[in-house]
């Protein structure tokens, strides 16, 4: 049938996950750092997700699409409530299995600075000047086994979780970028939607700082794979 349905511009999407949270029907997922309409029959065409998008990446279109299936939406909500009492995809319980390999020998820490929490780090800390900066979502260091050598080594490290800290990072990161000679920024984030908030803060700070600082975003899955 021809009906109104949302359209997501992946070029504009920053993967913040706010649209997925605003979609009460659960039609949207974050896949490879981008919002995607994964279940067209869950989309009611009312557009609760539109005002939630900070990048204006969502619009309406009239096209051939499956009819809105309210029964399927309600059934999916029931399952989700049973699995996720808090309603947060990042809190989904999942067992992670790895191959049984011999334990690696103890390796030295590569951490070059302290404190590492974004909200605790001084804006004008001396180690920022001339630094290649790593901004890491808290969980990434636990998910990726070789995190110190792969990401922390030869970088200055800041960590944070916008969902748990509940503070706006963009303003402080803007000050850090603007007031120091940051050579590059590497962001490590998880695949869960709430990590999109950290990516959004970093991108916003880079846009506002008035400098052209290279950014590399690495997405890591709960089982330790680089996506």
C-alpha atoms as a PDB file:
ATOM      1  CA  UNK A   1       0.000   0.000   0.000  1.00  0.00           C
ATOM      2  CA  UNK A   2       1.032   3.629  -0.522  1.00  0.00           C
ATOM      3  CA  UNK A   3       1.300   5.455   2.777  1.00  0.00           C
ATOM      4  CA  UNK A   4       3.265   8.047   4.712  1.00  0.00           C
ATOM      5  CA  UNK A   5       6.405   6.738   6.343  1.00  0.00           C
ATOM      6  CA  UNK A   6       9.630   8.230   7.653  1.00  0.00           C
ATOM      7  CA  UNK A   7      12.801   8.578   5.601  1.00  0.00           C
ATOM      8  CA  UNK A   8      16.267   8.768   7.222  1.00  0.00           C
ATOM      9  CA  UNK A   9      19.126  10.595   5.500  1.00  0.00           C
ATOM     10  CA  UNK A  10      22.177   8.559   6.556  1.00  0.00           C
ATOM     11  CA  UNK A  11      24.541  11.291   5.311  1.00  0.00           C
ATOM     12  CA  UNK A  12      23.138  13.673   7.931  1.00  0.00           C
ATOM     13  CA  UNK A  13      22.665  11.082  10.685  1.00  0.00           C
ATOM     14  CA  UNK A  14      25.267  11.218  13.476  1.00  0.00           C
ATOM     15  CA  UNK A  15      24.169   8.004  15.172  1.00  0.00           C
ATOM     16  CA  UNK A  16      23.120   9.692  18.423  1.00  0.00           C
ATOM     17  CA  UNK A  17      20.205   7.275  18.869  1.00  0.00           C
ATOM     18  CA  UNK A  18      17.704   9.917  19.985  1.00  0.00           C
ATOM     19  CA  UNK A  19      15.294   8.998  17.197  1.00  0.00           C
ATOM     20  CA  UNK A  20      15.353   5.322  18.201  1.00  0.00           C
ATOM     21  CA  UNK A  21      14.568   6.341  21.766  1.00  0.00           C
ATOM     22  CA  UNK A  22      11.732   8.622  20.623  1.00  0.00           C
ATOM     23  CA  UNK A  23      10.178   5.943  18.425  1.00  0.00           C
ATOM     24  CA  UNK A  24       7.711   4.320  20.800  1.00  0.00           C
ATOM     25  CA  UNK A  25       6.974   1.609  18.254  1.00  0.00           C
ATOM     26  CA  UNK A  26      10.589   0.399  18.001  1.00  0.00           C
ATOM     27  CA  UNK A  27      10.829   0.796  14.240  1.00  0.00           C
ATOM     28  CA  UNK A  28      14.333   2.334  14.282  1.00  0.00           C
ATOM     29  CA  UNK A  29      17.665   0.736  15.167  1.00  0.00           C
ATOM     30  CA  UNK A  30      21.222   2.091  15.174  1.00  0.00           C
ATOM     31  CA  UNK A  31      23.259  -0.018  12.745  1.00  0.00           C
ATOM     32  CA  UNK A  32      26.949   0.648  12.093  1.00  0.00           C
ATOM     33  CA  UNK A  33      26.607   4.052  13.743  1.00  0.00           C
ATOM     34  CA  UNK A  34      23.588   5.165  11.672  1.00  0.00           C
ATOM     35  CA  UNK A  35      19.855   5.239  12.334  1.00  0.00           C
ATOM     36  CA  UNK A  36      17.887   2.938  10.052  1.00  0.00           C
ATOM     37  CA  UNK A  37      14.201   2.149   9.660  1.00  0.00           C
ATOM     38  CA  UNK A  38      14.462  -1.592  10.245  1.00  0.00           C
ATOM     39  CA  UNK A  39      10.788  -2.467  10.668  1.00  0.00           C
ATOM     40  CA  UNK A  40       8.570  -0.550   8.268  1.00  0.00           C
ATOM     41  CA  UNK A  41       5.421  -2.239   9.594  1.00  0.00           C
ATOM     42  CA  UNK A  42       6.178  -0.765  13.047  1.00  0.00           C
ATOM     43  CA  UNK A  43       6.262   2.825  11.733  1.00  0.00           C
ATOM     44  CA  UNK A  44       2.907   4.532  12.289  1.00  0.00           C
ATOM     45  CA  UNK A  45       3.830   7.545  10.157  1.00  0.00           C
ATOM     46  CA  UNK A  46       3.159  10.042  12.957  1.00  0.00           C
ATOM     47  CA  UNK A  47       6.789  11.102  13.220  1.00  0.00           C
ATOM     48  CA  UNK A  48       7.534  11.257  16.952  1.00  0.00           C
ATOM     49  CA  UNK A  49      11.158  10.738  15.926  1.00  0.00           C
ATOM     50  CA  UNK A  50      11.391  13.900  13.776  1.00  0.00           C
ATOM     51  CA  UNK A  51      11.705  16.536  16.527  1.00  0.00           C
ATOM     52  CA  UNK A  52      14.149  14.303  18.428  1.00  0.00           C
ATOM     53  CA  UNK A  53      16.726  14.367  15.622  1.00  0.00           C
ATOM     54  CA  UNK A  54      19.330  17.125  16.176  1.00  0.00           C
ATOM     55  CA  UNK A  55      20.622  16.812  12.597  1.00  0.00           C
ATOM     56  CA  UNK A  56      17.269  17.146  10.749  1.00  0.00           C
ATOM     57  CA  UNK A  57      18.037  13.821   9.133  1.00  0.00           C
ATOM     58  CA  UNK A  58      14.443  12.507   9.252  1.00  0.00           C
ATOM     59  CA  UNK A  59      11.570  13.468   6.981  1.00  0.00           C
ATOM     60  CA  UNK A  60       8.320  11.993   5.645  1.00  0.00           C
ATOM     61  CA  UNK A  61       7.775  10.377   2.274  1.00  0.00           C
ATOM     62  CA  UNK A  62       4.822   8.776   0.526  1.00  0.00           C
ATOM     63  CA  UNK A  63       5.736   5.358  -0.863  1.00  0.00           C
ATOM     64  CA  UNK A  64       4.879   1.685  -1.045  1.00  0.00           C
ATOM     65  CA  UNK A  65       5.245   0.219   2.442  1.00  0.00           C
ATOM     66  CA  UNK A  66       3.679  -2.490   4.600  1.00  0.00           C
ATOM     67  CA  UNK A  67       0.653  -1.416   6.595  1.00  0.00           C
ATOM     68  CA  UNK A  68       1.210  -0.348  10.192  1.00  0.00           C
ATOM     69  CA  UNK A  69       0.875  -3.487  12.337  1.00  0.00           C
ATOM     70  CA  UNK A  70      -0.216  -2.384  15.808  1.00  0.00           C
ATOM     71  CA  UNK A  71      -0.518  -5.951  17.072  1.00  0.00           C
ATOM     72  CA  UNK A  72       3.097  -6.699  16.173  1.00  0.00           C
ATOM     73  CA  UNK A  73       4.218  -3.475  17.852  1.00  0.00           C
ATOM     74  CA  UNK A  74       2.392  -4.327  21.079  1.00  0.00           C
ATOM     75  CA  UNK A  75       3.797  -7.858  21.083  1.00  0.00           C
ATOM     76  CA  UNK A  76       7.335  -6.547  20.580  1.00  0.00           C
ATOM     77  CA  UNK A  77       6.869  -4.031  23.395  1.00  0.00           C
ATOM     78  CA  UNK A  78       5.808  -6.807  25.745  1.00  0.00           C
ATOM     79  CA  UNK A  79       8.916  -8.845  24.934  1.00  0.00           C
ATOM     80  CA  UNK A  80      11.127  -5.782  25.334  1.00  0.00           C
ATOM     81  CA  UNK A  81       9.651  -4.951  28.728  1.00  0.00           C
ATOM     82  CA  UNK A  82      10.357  -8.485  29.902  1.00  0.00           C
ATOM     83  CA  UNK A  83      13.986  -8.347  28.757  1.00  0.00           C
ATOM     84  CA  UNK A  84      14.714  -4.689  29.489  1.00  0.00           C
ATOM     85  CA  UNK A  85      12.946  -3.405  32.616  1.00  0.00           C
ATOM     86  CA  UNK A  86      14.666  -0.010  32.257  1.00  0.00           C
ATOM     87  CA  UNK A  87      13.875   0.302  28.539  1.00  0.00           C
ATOM     88  CA  UNK A  88      17.526   0.919  27.649  1.00  0.00           C
ATOM     89  CA  UNK A  89      19.120  -1.156  24.833  1.00  0.00           C
ATOM     90  CA  UNK A  90      22.504  -0.651  26.474  1.00  0.00           C
ATOM     91  CA  UNK A  91      21.248  -2.581  29.524  1.00  0.00           C
ATOM     92  CA  UNK A  92      20.252  -5.667  27.557  1.00  0.00           C
ATOM     93  CA  UNK A  93      21.607  -8.801  29.208  1.00  0.00           C
ATOM     94  CA  UNK A  94      23.764 -10.832  26.880  1.00  0.00           C
ATOM     95  CA  UNK A  95      26.297 -13.581  27.452  1.00  0.00           C
ATOM     96  CA  UNK A  96      29.572 -13.087  25.574  1.00  0.00           C
ATOM     97  CA  UNK A  97      31.471 -16.236  24.634  1.00  0.00           C
ATOM     98  CA  UNK A  98      35.078 -16.312  23.458  1.00  0.00           C
ATOM     99  CA  UNK A  99      37.362 -19.023  22.177  1.00  0.00           C
ATOM    100  CA  UNK A 100      39.250 -20.824  24.950  1.00  0.00           C
ATOM    101  CA  UNK A 101      42.761 -19.461  24.366  1.00  0.00           C
ATOM    102  CA  UNK A 102      45.746 -19.391  26.740  1.00  0.00           C
ATOM    103  CA  UNK A 103      45.960 -16.329  28.970  1.00  0.00           C
ATOM    104  CA  UNK A 104      48.205 -13.627  27.528  1.00  0.00           C
ATOM    105  CA  UNK A 105      51.288 -12.601  29.487  1.00  0.00           C
ATOM    106  CA  UNK A 106      50.885  -9.532  31.648  1.00  0.00           C
ATOM    107  CA  UNK A 107      51.411  -6.349  29.639  1.00  0.00           C
ATOM    108  CA  UNK A 108      52.321  -2.901  30.939  1.00  0.00           C
ATOM    109  CA  UNK A 109      49.834  -0.061  31.110  1.00  0.00           C
ATOM    110  CA  UNK A 110      50.041   2.470  28.272  1.00  0.00           C
ATOM    111  CA  UNK A 111      48.110   5.183  30.118  1.00  0.00           C
ATOM    112  CA  UNK A 112      49.980   8.500  29.836  1.00  0.00           C
ATOM    113  CA  UNK A 113      47.754  10.828  31.885  1.00  0.00           C
ATOM    114  CA  UNK A 114      45.483  11.098  34.886  1.00  0.00           C
ATOM    115  CA  UNK A 115      42.667  11.916  35.573  1.00  0.00           C
ATOM    116  CA  UNK A 116      40.996  10.360  32.582  1.00  0.00           C
ATOM    117  CA  UNK A 117      37.322  11.167  33.226  1.00  0.00           C
ATOM    118  CA  UNK A 118      36.126  13.928  30.871  1.00  0.00           C
ATOM    119  CA  UNK A 119      34.363  15.745  33.696  1.00  0.00           C
ATOM    120  CA  UNK A 120      37.487  15.626  35.920  1.00  0.00           C
ATOM    121  CA  UNK A 121      40.255  16.452  33.440  1.00  0.00           C
ATOM    122  CA  UNK A 122      41.520  20.073  33.617  1.00  0.00           C
ATOM    123  CA  UNK A 123      40.851  22.001  30.422  1.00  0.00           C
ATOM    124  CA  UNK A 124      44.426  23.294  30.285  1.00  0.00           C
ATOM    125  CA  UNK A 125      46.266  20.157  31.456  1.00  0.00           C
ATOM    126  CA  UNK A 126      49.842  20.270  30.113  1.00  0.00           C
ATOM    127  CA  UNK A 127      49.588  16.863  28.475  1.00  0.00           C
ATOM    128  CA  UNK A 128      46.965  18.091  25.993  1.00  0.00           C
ATOM    129  CA  UNK A 129      49.435  20.192  23.985  1.00  0.00           C
ATOM    130  CA  UNK A 130      50.614  18.343  20.885  1.00  0.00           C
ATOM    131  CA  UNK A 131      48.514  15.324  21.838  1.00  0.00           C
ATOM    132  CA  UNK A 132      46.814  12.688  19.773  1.00  0.00           C
ATOM    133  CA  UNK A 133      43.664  12.414  21.877  1.00  0.00           C
ATOM    134  CA  UNK A 134      41.663   9.268  22.589  1.00  0.00           C
ATOM    135  CA  UNK A 135      38.080   9.792  23.754  1.00  0.00           C
ATOM    136  CA  UNK A 136      36.714   6.432  24.853  1.00  0.00           C
ATOM    137  CA  UNK A 137      33.267   5.321  25.902  1.00  0.00           C
ATOM    138  CA  UNK A 138      33.712   3.584  29.258  1.00  0.00           C
ATOM    139  CA  UNK A 139      32.750   0.103  28.067  1.00  0.00           C
ATOM    140  CA  UNK A 140      35.120  -0.033  25.095  1.00  0.00           C
ATOM    141  CA  UNK A 141      38.203  -0.709  27.202  1.00  0.00           C
ATOM    142  CA  UNK A 142      36.492  -3.726  28.745  1.00  0.00           C
ATOM    143  CA  UNK A 143      35.141  -5.084  25.462  1.00  0.00           C
ATOM    144  CA  UNK A 144      38.318  -4.859  23.379  1.00  0.00           C
ATOM    145  CA  UNK A 145      41.062  -7.093  24.751  1.00  0.00           C
ATOM    146  CA  UNK A 146      44.094  -5.242  23.377  1.00  0.00           C
ATOM    147  CA  UNK A 147      42.767  -1.777  24.185  1.00  0.00           C
ATOM    148  CA  UNK A 148      45.948  -0.376  25.759  1.00  0.00           C
ATOM    149  CA  UNK A 149      48.265  -1.208  22.882  1.00  0.00           C
ATOM    150  CA  UNK A 150      45.707  -0.590  20.130  1.00  0.00           C
ATOM    151  CA  UNK A 151      44.199   2.677  21.358  1.00  0.00           C
ATOM    152  CA  UNK A 152      45.745   4.134  24.547  1.00  0.00           C
ATOM    153  CA  UNK A 153      49.377   3.772  23.495  1.00  0.00           C
ATOM    154  CA  UNK A 154      50.902   7.092  22.322  1.00  0.00           C
ATOM    155  CA  UNK A 155      47.659   8.948  23.041  1.00  0.00           C
ATOM    156  CA  UNK A 156      46.217  11.089  25.813  1.00  0.00           C
ATOM    157  CA  UNK A 157      43.070   9.397  27.110  1.00  0.00           C
ATOM    158  CA  UNK A 158      39.687  10.759  28.174  1.00  0.00           C
ATOM    159  CA  UNK A 159      36.777   8.490  29.062  1.00  0.00           C
ATOM    160  CA  UNK A 160      33.093   9.020  29.676  1.00  0.00           C
ATOM    161  CA  UNK A 161      29.538   7.783  29.352  1.00  0.00           C
ATOM    162  CA  UNK A 162      26.912  10.436  28.576  1.00  0.00           C
ATOM    163  CA  UNK A 163      24.106   8.207  29.865  1.00  0.00           C
ATOM    164  CA  UNK A 164      25.685   7.562  33.275  1.00  0.00           C
ATOM    165  CA  UNK A 165      27.444  10.880  33.829  1.00  0.00           C
ATOM    166  CA  UNK A 166      24.410  12.933  32.849  1.00  0.00           C
ATOM    167  CA  UNK A 167      26.515  15.969  31.943  1.00  0.00           C
ATOM    168  CA  UNK A 168      26.915  17.757  28.583  1.00  0.00           C
ATOM    169  CA  UNK A 169      30.374  16.944  27.255  1.00  0.00           C
ATOM    170  CA  UNK A 170      30.338  19.183  24.179  1.00  0.00           C
ATOM    171  CA  UNK A 171      31.050  22.424  26.040  1.00  0.00           C
ATOM    172  CA  UNK A 172      34.076  21.099  27.914  1.00  0.00           C
ATOM    173  CA  UNK A 173      35.461  19.266  24.887  1.00  0.00           C
ATOM    174  CA  UNK A 174      35.126  22.455  22.866  1.00  0.00           C
ATOM    175  CA  UNK A 175      37.278  24.256  25.445  1.00  0.00           C
ATOM    176  CA  UNK A 176      39.869  21.469  25.381  1.00  0.00           C
ATOM    177  CA  UNK A 177      40.064  21.525  21.580  1.00  0.00           C
ATOM    178  CA  UNK A 178      40.140  25.323  21.374  1.00  0.00           C
ATOM    179  CA  UNK A 179      42.707  25.937  24.122  1.00  0.00           C
ATOM    180  CA  UNK A 180      45.223  23.219  23.279  1.00  0.00           C
ATOM    181  CA  UNK A 181      47.185  21.965  20.291  1.00  0.00           C
ATOM    182  CA  UNK A 182      45.294  18.718  19.709  1.00  0.00           C
ATOM    183  CA  UNK A 183      46.729  16.958  16.653  1.00  0.00           C
ATOM    184  CA  UNK A 184      44.029  14.316  16.186  1.00  0.00           C
ATOM    185  CA  UNK A 185      41.028  12.743  17.928  1.00  0.00           C
ATOM    186  CA  UNK A 186      40.179   9.050  18.014  1.00  0.00           C
ATOM    187  CA  UNK A 187      36.767   8.135  19.425  1.00  0.00           C
ATOM    188  CA  UNK A 188      36.008   4.582  20.530  1.00  0.00           C
ATOM    189  CA  UNK A 189      32.335   3.829  21.100  1.00  0.00           C
ATOM    190  CA  UNK A 190      30.128   0.784  21.559  1.00  0.00           C
ATOM    191  CA  UNK A 191      27.388  -0.311  19.172  1.00  0.00           C
ATOM    192  CA  UNK A 192      24.632   0.626  21.663  1.00  0.00           C
ATOM    193  CA  UNK A 193      22.569   3.769  20.880  1.00  0.00           C
ATOM    194  CA  UNK A 194      23.560   5.721  23.994  1.00  0.00           C
ATOM    195  CA  UNK A 195      27.152   5.862  22.731  1.00  0.00           C
ATOM    196  CA  UNK A 196      25.813   8.043  19.913  1.00  0.00           C
ATOM    197  CA  UNK A 197      25.541  10.822  22.486  1.00  0.00           C
ATOM    198  CA  UNK A 198      29.309  10.743  22.977  1.00  0.00           C
ATOM    199  CA  UNK A 199      29.904  10.832  19.219  1.00  0.00           C
ATOM    200  CA  UNK A 200      27.520  13.766  18.921  1.00  0.00           C
ATOM    201  CA  UNK A 201      29.335  15.675  21.692  1.00  0.00           C
ATOM    202  CA  UNK A 202      32.736  15.120  20.069  1.00  0.00           C
ATOM    203  CA  UNK A 203      31.529  16.173  16.621  1.00  0.00           C
ATOM    204  CA  UNK A 204      29.785  19.240  18.045  1.00  0.00           C
ATOM    205  CA  UNK A 205      32.926  20.269  19.927  1.00  0.00           C
ATOM    206  CA  UNK A 206      35.065  19.863  16.813  1.00  0.00           C
ATOM    207  CA  UNK A 207      32.659  22.047  14.838  1.00  0.00           C
ATOM    208  CA  UNK A 208      32.601  24.735  17.521  1.00  0.00           C
ATOM    209  CA  UNK A 209      36.303  24.895  18.391  1.00  0.00           C
ATOM    210  CA  UNK A 210      37.282  26.719  15.194  1.00  0.00           C
ATOM    211  CA  UNK A 211      39.999  24.223  14.276  1.00  0.00           C
ATOM    212  CA  UNK A 212      40.333  21.501  11.664  1.00  0.00           C
ATOM    213  CA  UNK A 213      41.211  18.482  13.839  1.00  0.00           C
ATOM    214  CA  UNK A 214      41.062  15.024  12.207  1.00  0.00           C
ATOM    215  CA  UNK A 215      38.545  12.619  13.758  1.00  0.00           C
ATOM    216  CA  UNK A 216      38.531   8.822  13.564  1.00  0.00           C
ATOM    217  CA  UNK A 217      35.570   6.919  15.036  1.00  0.00           C
ATOM    218  CA  UNK A 218      35.957   3.235  15.931  1.00  0.00           C
ATOM    219  CA  UNK A 219      32.872   1.201  16.870  1.00  0.00           C
ATOM    220  CA  UNK A 220      33.316  -1.886  19.038  1.00  0.00           C
ATOM    221  CA  UNK A 221      30.790  -4.656  19.642  1.00  0.00           C
ATOM    222  CA  UNK A 222      30.145  -6.234  23.084  1.00  0.00           C
ATOM    223  CA  UNK A 223      32.070  -9.324  21.995  1.00  0.00           C
ATOM    224  CA  UNK A 224      35.163  -7.229  21.279  1.00  0.00           C
ATOM    225  CA  UNK A 225      34.973  -6.927  17.509  1.00  0.00           C
ATOM    226  CA  UNK A 226      35.841  -3.711  15.651  1.00  0.00           C
ATOM    227  CA  UNK A 227      32.885  -3.041  13.395  1.00  0.00           C
END
